[in-house]
Amino acid sequence: MSRTKDKGQRTQEPAQRAADRSPAQDIIREIFDAAIRAHETTRDGDLGPVAEAARVILDAVKGGKKVLAFGNGGSAADAQHFAAELVGRFERDRRGVAAVALTTDTSILTAVSNDYGFERAFARQVDALGTEGDIAFGISTSGESANVRAALESARARGMRTIALTGRDGGSIGRAANVHVNVPEASTARTQEVHRTILHAICELVEREL
């Protein structure tokens, strides 16, 4: 009898869980579902640019060059996250990779923005720190952040390799880069979630070769 009772209880469990779900839990499930769809859309698209971005970074690093990463808001946090994974480690011990997030020095950011305008906040740092063969890695979920685009243009003028990580259709930033990695997603939140997965994939590919 205990077996029959247990079986009946197990049969009722999914229905009971659905009944017990609150509206907040439904919203959370919808967010997870949307994030999964955004990941699947990107996964099922052209992943060549992700592999190319990793290859370009790896070639630069092996040549003694560095990575300069930048973006605004959540993309600034992603630039810092990316630089931290490269300088420190991702999942295994290896030599450190020279990487700097241009979003972290508030004195530089405020001085440049005050003197030259916010549009030059990253470009001025690229001019000061970037050298030929370095990597400029710009992140923009809209594909239209003026200061990211200006930094990529300055980087190309200095003979640096440029990588853009974007959302939507990539916009002018995608067109300004040597390598364009795009998440074809309108939602900023969903784009940022896929961006972090892509950054982890790049770190994994680079780390495997060091």
N, C-alpha and C. Protein backbone atom coordinates (compact mmCIF):
# COMPACT_ATOMS: atom_id res chain seq x y z
N MET A 1 0.82 -1.20 0.00
CA MET A 1 0.00 0.00 0.00
C MET A 1 0.86 1.25 0.00
N SER A 2 1.95 1.20 0.70
CA SER A 2 2.81 2.37 0.75
C SER A 2 3.35 2.71 -0.63
N ARG A 3 3.58 1.63 -1.44
CA ARG A 3 4.09 1.89 -2.78
C ARG A 3 3.04 2.62 -3.62
N THR A 4 1.79 2.18 -3.52
CA THR A 4 0.70 2.81 -4.28
C THR A 4 0.53 4.26 -3.85
N LYS A 5 0.61 4.52 -2.58
CA LYS A 5 0.46 5.87 -2.06
C LYS A 5 1.59 6.75 -2.55
N ASP A 6 2.83 6.22 -2.49
CA ASP A 6 3.97 7.01 -2.96
C ASP A 6 3.82 7.35 -4.43
N LYS A 7 3.36 6.37 -5.24
CA LYS A 7 3.20 6.60 -6.67
C LYS A 7 2.16 7.69 -6.90
N GLY A 8 1.09 7.65 -6.15
CA GLY A 8 0.05 8.67 -6.29
C GLY A 8 0.56 10.04 -5.91
N GLN A 9 1.37 10.09 -4.86
CA GLN A 9 1.92 11.36 -4.45
C GLN A 9 2.84 11.92 -5.53
N ARG A 10 3.67 11.03 -6.12
CA ARG A 10 4.60 11.49 -7.16
C ARG A 10 3.85 12.01 -8.38
N THR A 11 2.73 11.37 -8.72
CA THR A 11 1.92 11.80 -9.87
C THR A 11 1.34 13.20 -9.64
N GLN A 12 0.99 13.50 -8.42
CA GLN A 12 0.36 14.77 -8.12
C GLN A 12 1.38 15.91 -7.95
N GLU A 13 2.63 15.56 -7.76
CA GLU A 13 3.62 16.59 -7.43
C GLU A 13 3.73 17.70 -8.46
N PRO A 14 3.86 17.42 -9.79
CA PRO A 14 3.99 18.52 -10.75
C PRO A 14 2.80 19.45 -10.73
N ALA A 15 1.58 18.90 -10.67
CA ALA A 15 0.37 19.72 -10.64
C ALA A 15 0.34 20.56 -9.36
N GLN A 16 0.77 19.98 -8.28
CA GLN A 16 0.78 20.70 -7.01
C GLN A 16 1.78 21.84 -7.06
N ARG A 17 2.97 21.55 -7.66
CA ARG A 17 3.98 22.60 -7.76
C ARG A 17 3.47 23.75 -8.61
N ALA A 18 2.76 23.45 -9.70
CA ALA A 18 2.21 24.50 -10.57
C ALA A 18 1.19 25.34 -9.80
N ALA A 19 0.37 24.67 -9.00
CA ALA A 19 -0.64 25.38 -8.22
C ALA A 19 -0.01 26.27 -7.16
N ASP A 20 1.12 25.81 -6.64
CA ASP A 20 1.78 26.56 -5.56
C ASP A 20 2.61 27.74 -6.08
N ARG A 21 2.84 27.80 -7.40
CA ARG A 21 3.67 28.86 -7.95
C ARG A 21 3.01 30.21 -7.79
N SER A 22 3.79 31.19 -7.39
CA SER A 22 3.29 32.55 -7.25
C SER A 22 3.46 33.30 -8.56
N PRO A 23 2.80 34.45 -8.74
CA PRO A 23 3.02 35.27 -9.95
C PRO A 23 4.49 35.65 -10.12
N ALA A 24 5.18 35.88 -9.01
CA ALA A 24 6.59 36.22 -9.10
C ALA A 24 7.40 35.07 -9.69
N GLN A 25 7.06 33.85 -9.31
CA GLN A 25 7.77 32.70 -9.85
C GLN A 25 7.52 32.55 -11.35
N ASP A 26 6.30 32.88 -11.78
CA ASP A 26 6.01 32.82 -13.21
C ASP A 26 6.84 33.83 -13.99
N ILE A 27 7.00 35.01 -13.43
CA ILE A 27 7.83 36.04 -14.07
C ILE A 27 9.28 35.58 -14.15
N ILE A 28 9.76 34.96 -13.08
CA ILE A 28 11.13 34.45 -13.07
C ILE A 28 11.32 33.39 -14.14
N ARG A 29 10.34 32.50 -14.26
CA ARG A 29 10.41 31.46 -15.29
C ARG A 29 10.43 32.08 -16.69
N GLU A 30 9.63 33.12 -16.89
CA GLU A 30 9.61 33.81 -18.19
C GLU A 30 10.97 34.42 -18.51
N ILE A 31 11.63 34.97 -17.50
CA ILE A 31 12.96 35.55 -17.70
C ILE A 31 13.96 34.47 -18.08
N PHE A 32 13.92 33.35 -17.37
CA PHE A 32 14.80 32.23 -17.72
C PHE A 32 14.53 31.73 -19.13
N ASP A 33 13.25 31.62 -19.48
CA ASP A 33 12.89 31.14 -20.83
C ASP A 33 13.41 32.09 -21.89
N ALA A 34 13.29 33.40 -21.66
CA ALA A 34 13.78 34.38 -22.63
C ALA A 34 15.29 34.34 -22.75
N ALA A 35 15.97 34.15 -21.62
CA ALA A 35 17.43 34.05 -21.65
C ALA A 35 17.88 32.81 -22.41
N ILE A 36 17.19 31.72 -22.21
CA ILE A 36 17.51 30.48 -22.93
C ILE A 36 17.30 30.67 -24.43
N ARG A 37 16.19 31.30 -24.81
CA ARG A 37 15.94 31.54 -26.25
C ARG A 37 17.02 32.41 -26.86
N ALA A 38 17.44 33.46 -26.14
CA ALA A 38 18.49 34.35 -26.65
C ALA A 38 19.80 33.60 -26.83
N HIS A 39 20.12 32.73 -25.88
CA HIS A 39 21.34 31.91 -25.99
C HIS A 39 21.23 30.95 -27.17
N GLU A 40 20.06 30.32 -27.33
CA GLU A 40 19.89 29.35 -28.41
C GLU A 40 19.97 30.03 -29.78
N THR A 41 19.38 31.21 -29.89
CA THR A 41 19.44 31.95 -31.16
C THR A 41 20.87 32.27 -31.53
N THR A 42 21.65 32.71 -30.56
CA THR A 42 23.06 33.04 -30.81
C THR A 42 23.87 31.78 -31.08
N ARG A 43 23.63 30.73 -30.32
CA ARG A 43 24.35 29.46 -30.52
C ARG A 43 24.10 28.89 -31.90
N ASP A 44 22.86 29.00 -32.37
CA ASP A 44 22.51 28.41 -33.66
C ASP A 44 22.87 29.30 -34.85
N GLY A 45 23.37 30.49 -34.57
CA GLY A 45 23.82 31.39 -35.62
C GLY A 45 25.28 31.15 -35.97
N ASP A 46 25.93 32.17 -36.49
CA ASP A 46 27.33 32.07 -36.90
C ASP A 46 28.24 32.34 -35.70
N LEU A 47 28.91 31.31 -35.21
CA LEU A 47 29.83 31.46 -34.08
C LEU A 47 31.26 31.74 -34.53
N GLY A 48 31.45 31.85 -35.85
CA GLY A 48 32.78 32.13 -36.37
C GLY A 48 33.41 33.38 -35.78
N PRO A 49 32.66 34.50 -35.66
CA PRO A 49 33.26 35.70 -35.08
C PRO A 49 33.73 35.53 -33.64
N VAL A 50 33.07 34.68 -32.87
CA VAL A 50 33.52 34.43 -31.49
C VAL A 50 34.88 33.75 -31.51
N ALA A 51 35.01 32.73 -32.35
CA ALA A 51 36.29 32.03 -32.48
C ALA A 51 37.36 32.97 -33.03
N GLU A 52 36.97 33.84 -33.97
CA GLU A 52 37.93 34.79 -34.55
C GLU A 52 38.40 35.80 -33.50
N ALA A 53 37.49 36.27 -32.66
CA ALA A 53 37.87 37.20 -31.59
C ALA A 53 38.90 36.56 -30.66
N ALA A 54 38.67 35.31 -30.29
CA ALA A 54 39.61 34.60 -29.43
C ALA A 54 40.96 34.44 -30.12
N ARG A 55 40.95 34.13 -31.41
CA ARG A 55 42.20 33.94 -32.16
C ARG A 55 42.99 35.25 -32.24
N VAL A 56 42.31 36.35 -32.51
CA VAL A 56 42.96 37.66 -32.62
C VAL A 56 43.58 38.05 -31.28
N ILE A 57 42.84 37.82 -30.20
CA ILE A 57 43.37 38.13 -28.87
C ILE A 57 44.58 37.25 -28.56
N LEU A 58 44.47 35.97 -28.86
CA LEU A 58 45.56 35.04 -28.57
C LEU A 58 46.81 35.43 -29.36
N ASP A 59 46.67 35.76 -30.64
CA ASP A 59 47.82 36.17 -31.44
C ASP A 59 48.48 37.41 -30.85
N ALA A 60 47.66 38.37 -30.41
CA ALA A 60 48.21 39.59 -29.81
C ALA A 60 48.95 39.29 -28.52
N VAL A 61 48.34 38.47 -27.68
CA VAL A 61 48.94 38.13 -26.39
C VAL A 61 50.27 37.41 -26.59
N LYS A 62 50.30 36.48 -27.52
CA LYS A 62 51.55 35.75 -27.78
C LYS A 62 52.63 36.67 -28.34
N GLY A 63 52.20 37.78 -28.93
CA GLY A 63 53.14 38.75 -29.45
C GLY A 63 53.51 39.83 -28.45
N GLY A 64 53.12 39.65 -27.20
CA GLY A 64 53.47 40.61 -26.16
C GLY A 64 52.58 41.84 -26.12
N LYS A 65 51.41 41.76 -26.73
CA LYS A 65 50.49 42.90 -26.77
C LYS A 65 49.43 42.77 -25.67
N LYS A 66 48.58 43.78 -25.58
CA LYS A 66 47.59 43.83 -24.50
C LYS A 66 46.19 44.07 -25.04
N VAL A 67 45.22 43.88 -24.15
CA VAL A 67 43.81 44.06 -24.47
C VAL A 67 43.28 45.25 -23.68
N LEU A 68 42.65 46.19 -24.38
CA LEU A 68 41.97 47.32 -23.73
C LEU A 68 40.47 47.12 -23.94
N ALA A 69 39.72 46.96 -22.85
CA ALA A 69 38.29 46.68 -22.93
C ALA A 69 37.49 47.84 -22.36
N PHE A 70 36.32 48.10 -22.95
CA PHE A 70 35.53 49.25 -22.50
C PHE A 70 34.09 49.12 -22.93
N GLY A 71 33.21 49.80 -22.18
CA GLY A 71 31.78 49.82 -22.46
C GLY A 71 31.11 50.67 -21.39
N ASN A 72 29.82 50.85 -21.49
CA ASN A 72 29.07 51.69 -20.55
C ASN A 72 28.08 50.87 -19.74
N GLY A 73 27.85 51.28 -18.49
CA GLY A 73 26.85 50.61 -17.66
C GLY A 73 27.15 49.15 -17.45
N GLY A 74 26.19 48.29 -17.80
CA GLY A 74 26.41 46.85 -17.67
C GLY A 74 27.57 46.38 -18.52
N SER A 75 27.78 47.04 -19.65
CA SER A 75 28.90 46.68 -20.52
C SER A 75 30.24 47.09 -19.90
N ALA A 76 30.22 48.14 -19.07
CA ALA A 76 31.43 48.50 -18.33
C ALA A 76 31.78 47.38 -17.34
N ALA A 77 30.74 46.86 -16.67
CA ALA A 77 30.96 45.75 -15.74
C ALA A 77 31.48 44.52 -16.49
N ASP A 78 30.97 44.28 -17.70
CA ASP A 78 31.44 43.14 -18.49
C ASP A 78 32.88 43.34 -18.94
N ALA A 79 33.26 44.58 -19.27
CA ALA A 79 34.64 44.87 -19.65
C ALA A 79 35.58 44.57 -18.48
N GLN A 80 35.16 44.96 -17.28
CA GLN A 80 35.97 44.71 -16.09
C GLN A 80 36.04 43.22 -15.77
N HIS A 81 34.92 42.55 -15.91
CA HIS A 81 34.87 41.10 -15.70
C HIS A 81 35.83 40.41 -16.67
N PHE A 82 35.77 40.80 -17.94
CA PHE A 82 36.62 40.20 -18.96
C PHE A 82 38.10 40.42 -18.65
N ALA A 83 38.46 41.66 -18.30
CA ALA A 83 39.86 41.96 -17.98
C ALA A 83 40.32 41.16 -16.76
N ALA A 84 39.44 41.02 -15.78
CA ALA A 84 39.80 40.26 -14.57
C ALA A 84 40.08 38.80 -14.89
N GLU A 85 39.25 38.21 -15.76
CA GLU A 85 39.46 36.81 -16.14
C GLU A 85 40.78 36.63 -16.89
N LEU A 86 41.15 37.61 -17.71
CA LEU A 86 42.38 37.50 -18.48
C LEU A 86 43.61 37.72 -17.61
N VAL A 87 43.58 38.74 -16.78
CA VAL A 87 44.74 39.04 -15.92
C VAL A 87 44.92 37.95 -14.87
N GLY A 88 43.83 37.54 -14.27
CA GLY A 88 43.89 36.48 -13.26
C GLY A 88 43.90 35.11 -13.90
N ARG A 89 42.74 34.47 -13.86
CA ARG A 89 42.58 33.19 -14.54
C ARG A 89 41.10 32.95 -14.74
N PHE A 90 40.79 32.11 -15.68
CA PHE A 90 39.40 31.74 -15.93
C PHE A 90 39.10 30.45 -15.18
N GLU A 91 39.60 29.30 -15.69
CA GLU A 91 39.36 28.03 -15.00
C GLU A 91 40.62 27.22 -14.78
N ARG A 92 41.75 27.71 -15.24
CA ARG A 92 42.99 26.96 -15.01
C ARG A 92 44.15 27.92 -14.84
N ASP A 93 45.19 27.46 -14.17
CA ASP A 93 46.37 28.28 -13.97
C ASP A 93 47.16 28.40 -15.27
N ARG A 94 47.58 29.61 -15.58
CA ARG A 94 48.42 29.88 -16.76
C ARG A 94 49.01 31.27 -16.55
N ARG A 95 49.84 31.69 -17.46
CA ARG A 95 50.44 33.02 -17.31
C ARG A 95 49.37 34.09 -17.47
N GLY A 96 49.57 35.21 -16.84
CA GLY A 96 48.60 36.29 -16.91
C GLY A 96 48.59 36.95 -18.28
N VAL A 97 47.43 37.43 -18.66
CA VAL A 97 47.27 38.15 -19.93
C VAL A 97 47.16 39.64 -19.62
N ALA A 98 47.92 40.45 -20.33
CA ALA A 98 47.88 41.89 -20.12
C ALA A 98 46.55 42.44 -20.63
N ALA A 99 45.70 42.87 -19.71
CA ALA A 99 44.38 43.40 -20.08
C ALA A 99 44.01 44.51 -19.11
N VAL A 100 43.43 45.58 -19.65
CA VAL A 100 43.03 46.73 -18.85
C VAL A 100 41.61 47.12 -19.23
N ALA A 101 40.75 47.29 -18.23
CA ALA A 101 39.41 47.82 -18.47
C ALA A 101 39.48 49.34 -18.34
N LEU A 102 39.12 50.05 -19.39
CA LEU A 102 39.23 51.51 -19.40
C LEU A 102 38.09 52.18 -18.66
N THR A 103 37.35 51.42 -17.89
CA THR A 103 36.18 51.91 -17.17
C THR A 103 36.43 52.07 -15.67
N THR A 104 37.65 51.80 -15.22
CA THR A 104 37.87 51.63 -13.78
C THR A 104 38.51 52.83 -13.09
N ASP A 105 39.16 53.72 -13.81
CA ASP A 105 39.85 54.85 -13.18
C ASP A 105 38.94 56.08 -13.23
N THR A 106 38.29 56.37 -12.11
CA THR A 106 37.32 57.46 -12.11
C THR A 106 37.97 58.82 -12.30
N SER A 107 39.22 58.98 -11.87
CA SER A 107 39.90 60.26 -12.07
C SER A 107 40.11 60.52 -13.56
N ILE A 108 40.56 59.48 -14.29
CA ILE A 108 40.74 59.64 -15.73
C ILE A 108 39.39 59.87 -16.42
N LEU A 109 38.41 59.06 -16.09
CA LEU A 109 37.10 59.17 -16.74
C LEU A 109 36.49 60.55 -16.54
N THR A 110 36.55 61.06 -15.31
CA THR A 110 35.93 62.36 -15.04
C THR A 110 36.76 63.51 -15.62
N ALA A 111 38.08 63.39 -15.58
CA ALA A 111 38.92 64.45 -16.14
C ALA A 111 38.73 64.56 -17.65
N VAL A 112 38.80 63.42 -18.32
CA VAL A 112 38.64 63.43 -19.78
C VAL A 112 37.24 63.87 -20.18
N SER A 113 36.24 63.36 -19.48
CA SER A 113 34.86 63.75 -19.79
C SER A 113 34.64 65.24 -19.56
N ASN A 114 35.24 65.78 -18.52
CA ASN A 114 35.10 67.20 -18.21
C ASN A 114 35.82 68.07 -19.24
N ASP A 115 37.02 67.64 -19.65
CA ASP A 115 37.84 68.46 -20.54
C ASP A 115 37.52 68.27 -22.02
N TYR A 116 37.14 67.04 -22.41
CA TYR A 116 36.96 66.73 -23.82
C TYR A 116 35.54 66.26 -24.18
N GLY A 117 34.74 65.97 -23.17
CA GLY A 117 33.40 65.43 -23.41
C GLY A 117 33.39 63.93 -23.20
N PHE A 118 32.23 63.40 -22.79
CA PHE A 118 32.14 61.98 -22.47
C PHE A 118 32.41 61.10 -23.68
N GLU A 119 32.17 61.62 -24.87
CA GLU A 119 32.42 60.83 -26.07
C GLU A 119 33.88 60.43 -26.21
N ARG A 120 34.79 61.19 -25.58
CA ARG A 120 36.22 60.90 -25.69
C ARG A 120 36.75 60.14 -24.48
N ALA A 121 35.88 59.71 -23.59
CA ALA A 121 36.32 59.07 -22.33
C ALA A 121 37.21 57.86 -22.56
N PHE A 122 36.92 57.07 -23.59
CA PHE A 122 37.72 55.87 -23.88
C PHE A 122 38.75 56.14 -24.97
N ALA A 123 38.41 56.96 -25.93
CA ALA A 123 39.33 57.24 -27.03
C ALA A 123 40.62 57.87 -26.52
N ARG A 124 40.51 58.76 -25.56
CA ARG A 124 41.71 59.41 -25.02
C ARG A 124 42.61 58.37 -24.35
N GLN A 125 42.03 57.43 -23.67
CA GLN A 125 42.83 56.37 -23.02
C GLN A 125 43.46 55.45 -24.06
N VAL A 126 42.72 55.16 -25.13
CA VAL A 126 43.29 54.36 -26.22
C VAL A 126 44.50 55.09 -26.82
N ASP A 127 44.36 56.40 -27.03
CA ASP A 127 45.47 57.19 -27.56
C ASP A 127 46.68 57.15 -26.63
N ALA A 128 46.43 57.15 -25.33
CA ALA A 128 47.52 57.19 -24.36
C ALA A 128 48.16 55.84 -24.11
N LEU A 129 47.36 54.78 -24.12
CA LEU A 129 47.83 53.47 -23.70
C LEU A 129 48.00 52.47 -24.84
N GLY A 130 47.28 52.67 -25.93
CA GLY A 130 47.29 51.69 -27.01
C GLY A 130 48.50 51.82 -27.91
N THR A 131 49.01 50.69 -28.38
CA THR A 131 50.10 50.67 -29.35
C THR A 131 49.72 49.73 -30.49
N GLU A 132 50.42 49.84 -31.58
CA GLU A 132 50.13 49.00 -32.74
C GLU A 132 50.16 47.52 -32.37
N GLY A 133 49.13 46.81 -32.78
CA GLY A 133 49.05 45.38 -32.48
C GLY A 133 48.25 45.05 -31.24
N ASP A 134 47.98 46.05 -30.38
CA ASP A 134 47.13 45.82 -29.22
C ASP A 134 45.69 45.57 -29.68
N ILE A 135 44.86 45.11 -28.74
CA ILE A 135 43.45 44.84 -29.01
C ILE A 135 42.58 45.89 -28.33
N ALA A 136 41.67 46.49 -29.08
CA ALA A 136 40.63 47.34 -28.50
C ALA A 136 39.33 46.55 -28.54
N PHE A 137 38.76 46.27 -27.38
CA PHE A 137 37.58 45.41 -27.26
C PHE A 137 36.42 46.28 -26.75
N GLY A 138 35.54 46.69 -27.66
CA GLY A 138 34.42 47.55 -27.28
C GLY A 138 33.13 46.78 -27.15
N ILE A 139 32.38 47.07 -26.09
CA ILE A 139 31.12 46.37 -25.82
C ILE A 139 29.98 47.38 -25.81
N SER A 140 28.93 47.10 -26.57
CA SER A 140 27.77 47.99 -26.62
C SER A 140 26.53 47.17 -26.97
N THR A 141 25.56 47.14 -26.07
CA THR A 141 24.35 46.37 -26.35
C THR A 141 23.51 47.01 -27.45
N SER A 142 23.60 48.33 -27.60
CA SER A 142 22.83 49.02 -28.64
C SER A 142 23.56 49.06 -29.97
N GLY A 143 24.88 48.96 -29.93
CA GLY A 143 25.67 49.10 -31.14
C GLY A 143 25.88 50.55 -31.55
N GLU A 144 25.48 51.49 -30.68
CA GLU A 144 25.55 52.89 -31.05
C GLU A 144 26.15 53.80 -29.97
N SER A 145 26.84 53.25 -28.99
CA SER A 145 27.44 54.08 -27.95
C SER A 145 28.55 54.93 -28.55
N ALA A 146 28.39 56.24 -28.50
CA ALA A 146 29.32 57.15 -29.19
C ALA A 146 30.74 57.03 -28.68
N ASN A 147 30.90 56.86 -27.36
CA ASN A 147 32.27 56.80 -26.83
C ASN A 147 32.95 55.47 -27.17
N VAL A 148 32.19 54.41 -27.32
CA VAL A 148 32.76 53.13 -27.73
C VAL A 148 33.19 53.21 -29.20
N ARG A 149 32.33 53.79 -30.02
CA ARG A 149 32.66 53.93 -31.44
C ARG A 149 33.91 54.81 -31.63
N ALA A 150 33.99 55.91 -30.88
CA ALA A 150 35.15 56.81 -31.00
C ALA A 150 36.44 56.10 -30.59
N ALA A 151 36.36 55.26 -29.57
CA ALA A 151 37.55 54.52 -29.12
C ALA A 151 37.99 53.51 -30.17
N LEU A 152 37.05 52.83 -30.80
CA LEU A 152 37.40 51.87 -31.84
C LEU A 152 38.03 52.59 -33.05
N GLU A 153 37.50 53.75 -33.38
CA GLU A 153 38.07 54.51 -34.49
C GLU A 153 39.49 54.97 -34.17
N SER A 154 39.72 55.43 -32.94
CA SER A 154 41.06 55.83 -32.53
C SER A 154 42.01 54.64 -32.55
N ALA A 155 41.51 53.49 -32.13
CA ALA A 155 42.34 52.28 -32.10
C ALA A 155 42.77 51.88 -33.51
N ARG A 156 41.85 51.90 -34.44
CA ARG A 156 42.18 51.53 -35.82
C ARG A 156 43.20 52.50 -36.40
N ALA A 157 43.08 53.78 -36.06
CA ALA A 157 44.03 54.77 -36.55
C ALA A 157 45.44 54.52 -36.02
N ARG A 158 45.53 53.85 -34.86
CA ARG A 158 46.82 53.56 -34.24
C ARG A 158 47.36 52.18 -34.64
N GLY A 159 46.67 51.49 -35.52
CA GLY A 159 47.13 50.18 -35.95
C GLY A 159 46.79 49.07 -34.99
N MET A 160 45.79 49.29 -34.13
CA MET A 160 45.33 48.26 -33.21
C MET A 160 44.28 47.40 -33.90
N ARG A 161 44.10 46.18 -33.41
CA ARG A 161 43.03 45.31 -33.89
C ARG A 161 41.80 45.61 -33.04
N THR A 162 40.64 45.68 -33.68
CA THR A 162 39.42 46.07 -32.97
C THR A 162 38.39 44.95 -33.00
N ILE A 163 37.75 44.75 -31.84
CA ILE A 163 36.69 43.76 -31.69
C ILE A 163 35.48 44.46 -31.08
N ALA A 164 34.32 44.25 -31.66
CA ALA A 164 33.08 44.81 -31.12
C ALA A 164 32.17 43.67 -30.69
N LEU A 165 31.62 43.79 -29.49
CA LEU A 165 30.62 42.85 -28.97
C LEU A 165 29.34 43.65 -28.81
N THR A 166 28.32 43.33 -29.62
CA THR A 166 27.13 44.18 -29.70
C THR A 166 25.83 43.40 -29.53
N GLY A 167 24.74 44.16 -29.51
CA GLY A 167 23.39 43.60 -29.54
C GLY A 167 22.63 44.17 -30.73
N ARG A 168 21.35 43.90 -30.79
CA ARG A 168 20.49 44.36 -31.89
C ARG A 168 21.11 43.97 -33.24
N ASP A 169 21.29 44.96 -34.15
CA ASP A 169 21.90 44.61 -35.44
C ASP A 169 23.38 45.00 -35.50
N GLY A 170 23.95 45.41 -34.37
CA GLY A 170 25.36 45.78 -34.31
C GLY A 170 25.64 47.23 -34.56
N GLY A 171 24.78 47.89 -35.32
CA GLY A 171 24.89 49.31 -35.55
C GLY A 171 26.23 49.77 -36.10
N SER A 172 26.54 51.05 -35.87
CA SER A 172 27.78 51.63 -36.39
C SER A 172 29.01 51.06 -35.69
N ILE A 173 28.86 50.59 -34.46
CA ILE A 173 29.99 50.01 -33.74
C ILE A 173 30.42 48.70 -34.38
N GLY A 174 29.44 47.87 -34.73
CA GLY A 174 29.77 46.63 -35.41
C GLY A 174 30.50 46.89 -36.72
N ARG A 175 30.07 47.92 -37.45
CA ARG A 175 30.71 48.25 -38.73
C ARG A 175 32.10 48.85 -38.55
N ALA A 176 32.39 49.38 -37.36
CA ALA A 176 33.68 50.04 -37.12
C ALA A 176 34.78 49.07 -36.69
N ALA A 177 34.44 47.81 -36.46
CA ALA A 177 35.40 46.85 -35.90
C ALA A 177 35.93 45.88 -36.93
N ASN A 178 37.16 45.40 -36.68
CA ASN A 178 37.72 44.33 -37.52
C ASN A 178 36.96 43.03 -37.34
N VAL A 179 36.60 42.74 -36.09
CA VAL A 179 35.85 41.53 -35.76
C VAL A 179 34.57 41.96 -35.04
N HIS A 180 33.44 41.52 -35.55
CA HIS A 180 32.15 41.91 -34.97
C HIS A 180 31.42 40.67 -34.46
N VAL A 181 31.24 40.61 -33.15
CA VAL A 181 30.48 39.54 -32.50
C VAL A 181 29.14 40.13 -32.09
N ASN A 182 28.07 39.61 -32.67
CA ASN A 182 26.76 40.19 -32.47
C ASN A 182 25.78 39.21 -31.84
N VAL A 183 24.99 39.73 -30.89
CA VAL A 183 23.86 38.99 -30.31
C VAL A 183 22.60 39.63 -30.86
N PRO A 184 21.89 38.99 -31.77
CA PRO A 184 20.75 39.61 -32.44
C PRO A 184 19.52 39.65 -31.54
N GLU A 185 19.57 40.48 -30.53
CA GLU A 185 18.55 40.51 -29.49
C GLU A 185 18.22 41.97 -29.18
N ALA A 186 16.95 42.31 -29.08
CA ALA A 186 16.53 43.69 -28.81
C ALA A 186 16.60 44.04 -27.33
N SER A 187 16.40 43.07 -26.46
CA SER A 187 16.40 43.32 -25.02
C SER A 187 17.82 43.51 -24.51
N THR A 188 18.06 44.63 -23.83
CA THR A 188 19.39 44.88 -23.26
C THR A 188 19.77 43.82 -22.24
N ALA A 189 18.82 43.46 -21.39
CA ALA A 189 19.10 42.47 -20.35
C ALA A 189 19.48 41.12 -20.94
N ARG A 190 18.71 40.65 -21.91
CA ARG A 190 19.01 39.36 -22.53
C ARG A 190 20.34 39.43 -23.28
N THR A 191 20.62 40.55 -23.94
CA THR A 191 21.89 40.70 -24.65
C THR A 191 23.05 40.60 -23.69
N GLN A 192 22.95 41.28 -22.55
CA GLN A 192 24.03 41.24 -21.57
C GLN A 192 24.27 39.82 -21.06
N GLU A 193 23.20 39.07 -20.88
CA GLU A 193 23.36 37.70 -20.40
C GLU A 193 24.12 36.85 -21.41
N VAL A 194 23.80 37.01 -22.69
CA VAL A 194 24.52 36.24 -23.71
C VAL A 194 25.95 36.78 -23.87
N HIS A 195 26.14 38.08 -23.73
CA HIS A 195 27.48 38.65 -23.80
C HIS A 195 28.42 37.98 -22.79
N ARG A 196 27.92 37.76 -21.59
CA ARG A 196 28.78 37.15 -20.56
C ARG A 196 29.15 35.72 -20.92
N THR A 197 28.23 35.00 -21.53
CA THR A 197 28.55 33.65 -21.98
C THR A 197 29.61 33.70 -23.08
N ILE A 198 29.46 34.64 -24.00
CA ILE A 198 30.44 34.79 -25.08
C ILE A 198 31.80 35.16 -24.52
N LEU A 199 31.85 36.06 -23.57
CA LEU A 199 33.12 36.44 -22.96
C LEU A 199 33.78 35.24 -22.29
N HIS A 200 32.98 34.42 -21.64
CA HIS A 200 33.52 33.19 -21.03
C HIS A 200 34.05 32.24 -22.09
N ALA A 201 33.35 32.14 -23.21
CA ALA A 201 33.82 31.27 -24.29
C ALA A 201 35.15 31.77 -24.84
N ILE A 202 35.29 33.08 -25.01
CA ILE A 202 36.56 33.64 -25.49
C ILE A 202 37.67 33.36 -24.49
N CYS A 203 37.38 33.56 -23.20
CA CYS A 203 38.39 33.28 -22.16
C CYS A 203 38.82 31.81 -22.22
N GLU A 204 37.86 30.91 -22.38
CA GLU A 204 38.18 29.49 -22.44
C GLU A 204 39.08 29.18 -23.64
N LEU A 205 38.76 29.73 -24.80
CA LEU A 205 39.55 29.48 -25.99
C LEU A 205 40.96 30.04 -25.86
N VAL A 206 41.08 31.22 -25.31
CA VAL A 206 42.41 31.83 -25.12
C VAL A 206 43.20 31.03 -24.09
N GLU A 207 42.55 30.70 -23.01
CA GLU A 207 43.25 30.00 -21.91
C GLU A 207 43.75 28.63 -22.33
N ARG A 208 43.03 27.94 -23.19
CA ARG A 208 43.46 26.61 -23.62
C ARG A 208 44.79 26.63 -24.38
N GLU A 209 45.14 27.78 -24.95
CA GLU A 209 46.33 27.88 -25.77
C GLU A 209 47.51 28.52 -25.05
N LEU A 210 47.33 28.87 -23.78
CA LEU A 210 48.42 29.52 -23.02
C LEU A 210 49.07 28.56 -22.03
